[in-house]
C-alpha atoms as a PDB file:
ATOM      1  CA  MET A   1      -5.503 -13.612 -17.639  1.00  0.00           C
ATOM      2  CA  ILE A   2      -8.735 -11.757 -18.263  1.00  0.00           C
ATOM      3  CA  LYS A   3      -8.770  -9.559 -21.353  1.00  0.00           C
ATOM      4  CA  ALA A   4     -10.425  -6.241 -20.559  1.00  0.00           C
ATOM      5  CA  THR A   5     -13.367  -5.360 -22.780  1.00  0.00           C
ATOM      6  CA  SER A   6     -13.344  -1.734 -21.620  1.00  0.00           C
ATOM      7  CA  GLU A   7     -11.038   0.728 -19.885  1.00  0.00           C
ATOM      8  CA  ASP A   8     -13.927   1.384 -17.516  1.00  0.00           C
ATOM      9  CA  GLY A   9     -13.800  -1.293 -14.799  1.00  0.00           C
ATOM     10  CA  LEU A  10     -17.358  -0.611 -13.638  1.00  0.00           C
ATOM     11  CA  LYS A  11     -18.668  -1.065 -17.179  1.00  0.00           C
ATOM     12  CA  PHE A  12     -16.716  -4.323 -17.480  1.00  0.00           C
ATOM     13  CA  TYR A  13     -18.346  -5.775 -14.369  1.00  0.00           C
ATOM     14  CA  ARG A  14     -21.802  -4.460 -15.226  1.00  0.00           C
ATOM     15  CA  ASP A  15     -21.568  -6.023 -18.676  1.00  0.00           C
ATOM     16  CA  MET A  16     -20.362  -9.285 -17.161  1.00  0.00           C
ATOM     17  CA  GLY A  17     -23.773 -10.029 -15.651  1.00  0.00           C
ATOM     18  CA  THR A  18     -24.235 -12.316 -12.680  1.00  0.00           C
ATOM     19  CA  LEU A  19     -21.463 -13.971 -10.690  1.00  0.00           C
ATOM     20  CA  LYS A  20     -22.318 -17.236 -12.417  1.00  0.00           C
ATOM     21  CA  ASP A  21     -22.018 -15.577 -15.849  1.00  0.00           C
ATOM     22  CA  GLY A  22     -18.656 -14.063 -14.935  1.00  0.00           C
ATOM     23  CA  TYR A  23     -17.418 -17.352 -13.522  1.00  0.00           C
ATOM     24  CA  GLU A  24     -18.363 -19.249 -16.663  1.00  0.00           C
ATOM     25  CA  LYS A  25     -16.782 -16.654 -18.948  1.00  0.00           C
ATOM     26  CA  TYR A  26     -13.681 -15.486 -17.055  1.00  0.00           C
ATOM     27  CA  TYR A  27     -12.959 -17.390 -13.856  1.00  0.00           C
ATOM     28  CA  LYS A  28     -13.543 -21.082 -14.650  1.00  0.00           C
ATOM     29  CA  ASN A  29      -9.851 -21.912 -14.105  1.00  0.00           C
ATOM     30  CA  ASN A  30      -9.455 -19.777 -10.971  1.00  0.00           C
ATOM     31  CA  PHE A  31      -9.145 -21.997  -7.883  1.00  0.00           C
ATOM     32  CA  PHE A  32     -10.571 -19.491  -5.394  1.00  0.00           C
ATOM     33  CA  MET A  33     -13.524 -18.539  -7.591  1.00  0.00           C
ATOM     34  CA  THR A  34     -14.277 -22.237  -8.045  1.00  0.00           C
ATOM     35  CA  GLU A  35     -14.347 -22.649  -4.252  1.00  0.00           C
ATOM     36  CA  ILE A  36     -16.700 -19.678  -3.934  1.00  0.00           C
ATOM     37  CA  MET A  37     -19.038 -21.185  -6.513  1.00  0.00           C
ATOM     38  CA  ASN A  38     -18.879 -24.628  -4.858  1.00  0.00           C
ATOM     39  CA  HIS A  39     -19.641 -23.213  -1.399  1.00  0.00           C
ATOM     40  CA  PRO A  40     -22.298 -20.485  -1.709  1.00  0.00           C
ATOM     41  CA  ASN A  41     -23.469 -20.919   1.894  1.00  0.00           C
ATOM     42  CA  TYR A  42     -21.670 -20.648   5.216  1.00  0.00           C
ATOM     43  CA  ASP A  43     -20.869 -24.363   5.263  1.00  0.00           C
ATOM     44  CA  GLU A  44     -17.977 -26.285   6.841  1.00  0.00           C
ATOM     45  CA  PHE A  45     -15.592 -24.987   4.161  1.00  0.00           C
ATOM     46  CA  TRP A  46     -16.112 -21.355   5.261  1.00  0.00           C
ATOM     47  CA  GLN A  47     -16.520 -22.140   8.956  1.00  0.00           C
ATOM     48  CA  LYS A  48     -13.018 -23.662   9.049  1.00  0.00           C
ATOM     49  CA  ARG A  49     -11.667 -20.389   7.617  1.00  0.00           C
ATOM     50  CA  GLY A  50     -13.438 -18.092  10.096  1.00  0.00           C
ATOM     51  CA  LEU A  51     -11.043 -15.838  12.001  1.00  0.00           C
ATOM     52  CA  LEU A  52     -12.975 -15.512  15.255  1.00  0.00           C
ATOM     53  CA  GLN A  53     -12.203 -19.065  16.349  1.00  0.00           C
ATOM     54  CA  HIS A  54      -8.471 -18.234  16.226  1.00  0.00           C
ATOM     55  CA  LEU A  55      -8.623 -14.949  18.138  1.00  0.00           C
ATOM     56  CA  LYS A  56      -8.066 -16.282  21.659  1.00  0.00           C
ATOM     57  CA  ASN A  57      -5.572 -15.094  24.282  1.00  0.00           C
ATOM     58  CA  ILE A  58      -4.100 -12.350  22.115  1.00  0.00           C
ATOM     59  CA  ASN A  59      -1.878 -10.201  24.312  1.00  0.00           C
ATOM     60  CA  HIS A  60      -0.747  -7.548  21.867  1.00  0.00           C
ATOM     61  CA  ALA A  61      -2.307  -4.767  19.816  1.00  0.00           C
ATOM     62  CA  VAL A  62      -4.350  -5.790  16.780  1.00  0.00           C
ATOM     63  CA  MET A  63      -5.643  -3.374  14.166  1.00  0.00           C
ATOM     64  CA  THR A  64      -9.040  -4.319  12.778  1.00  0.00           C
ATOM     65  CA  VAL A  65     -10.436  -2.328   9.857  1.00  0.00           C
ATOM     66  CA  GLY A  66     -14.088  -2.305   8.856  1.00  0.00           C
ATOM     67  CA  GLY A  67     -16.649   0.214   7.708  1.00  0.00           C
ATOM     68  CA  TRP A  68     -20.369   0.724   8.068  1.00  0.00           C
ATOM     69  CA  PHE A  69     -20.842   0.591   4.309  1.00  0.00           C
ATOM     70  CA  ASP A  70     -18.489  -2.297   3.435  1.00  0.00           C
ATOM     71  CA  ALA A  71     -19.859  -4.947   1.085  1.00  0.00           C
ATOM     72  CA  GLU A  72     -19.713  -7.533   3.863  1.00  0.00           C
ATOM     73  CA  ASP A  73     -21.641  -7.078   7.072  1.00  0.00           C
ATOM     74  CA  PHE A  74     -20.036  -5.164   9.926  1.00  0.00           C
ATOM     75  CA  SER A  75     -20.536  -7.908  12.534  1.00  0.00           C
ATOM     76  CA  GLY A  76     -17.083  -9.454  11.934  1.00  0.00           C
ATOM     77  CA  PRO A  77     -15.037  -6.405  12.972  1.00  0.00           C
ATOM     78  CA  LEU A  78     -17.375  -5.757  15.912  1.00  0.00           C
ATOM     79  CA  LYS A  79     -17.068  -9.347  17.155  1.00  0.00           C
ATOM     80  CA  MET A  80     -13.282  -9.209  16.785  1.00  0.00           C
ATOM     81  CA  ALA A  81     -13.169  -6.085  18.948  1.00  0.00           C
ATOM     82  CA  GLN A  82     -15.131  -7.907  21.677  1.00  0.00           C
ATOM     83  CA  ASN A  83     -12.610 -10.753  21.966  1.00  0.00           C
END
């Protein structure tokens, strides 16, 4: 468990520094964060987890949520809507 250094979450993350700094200090034993650090590019690891390849022949309503100003790019929700 991560011990908070401030009640202000934004200050905590600003003080943390880079993702690498935060990983070394707080997330070294976190499986998912380790995978993120080991796969910084869109390699086979991430490609196998992509949702678009699984969205075929869907015959019922699906709600997809995305926003213009989300941290990730908006192409994923748009591509899902096209399938």
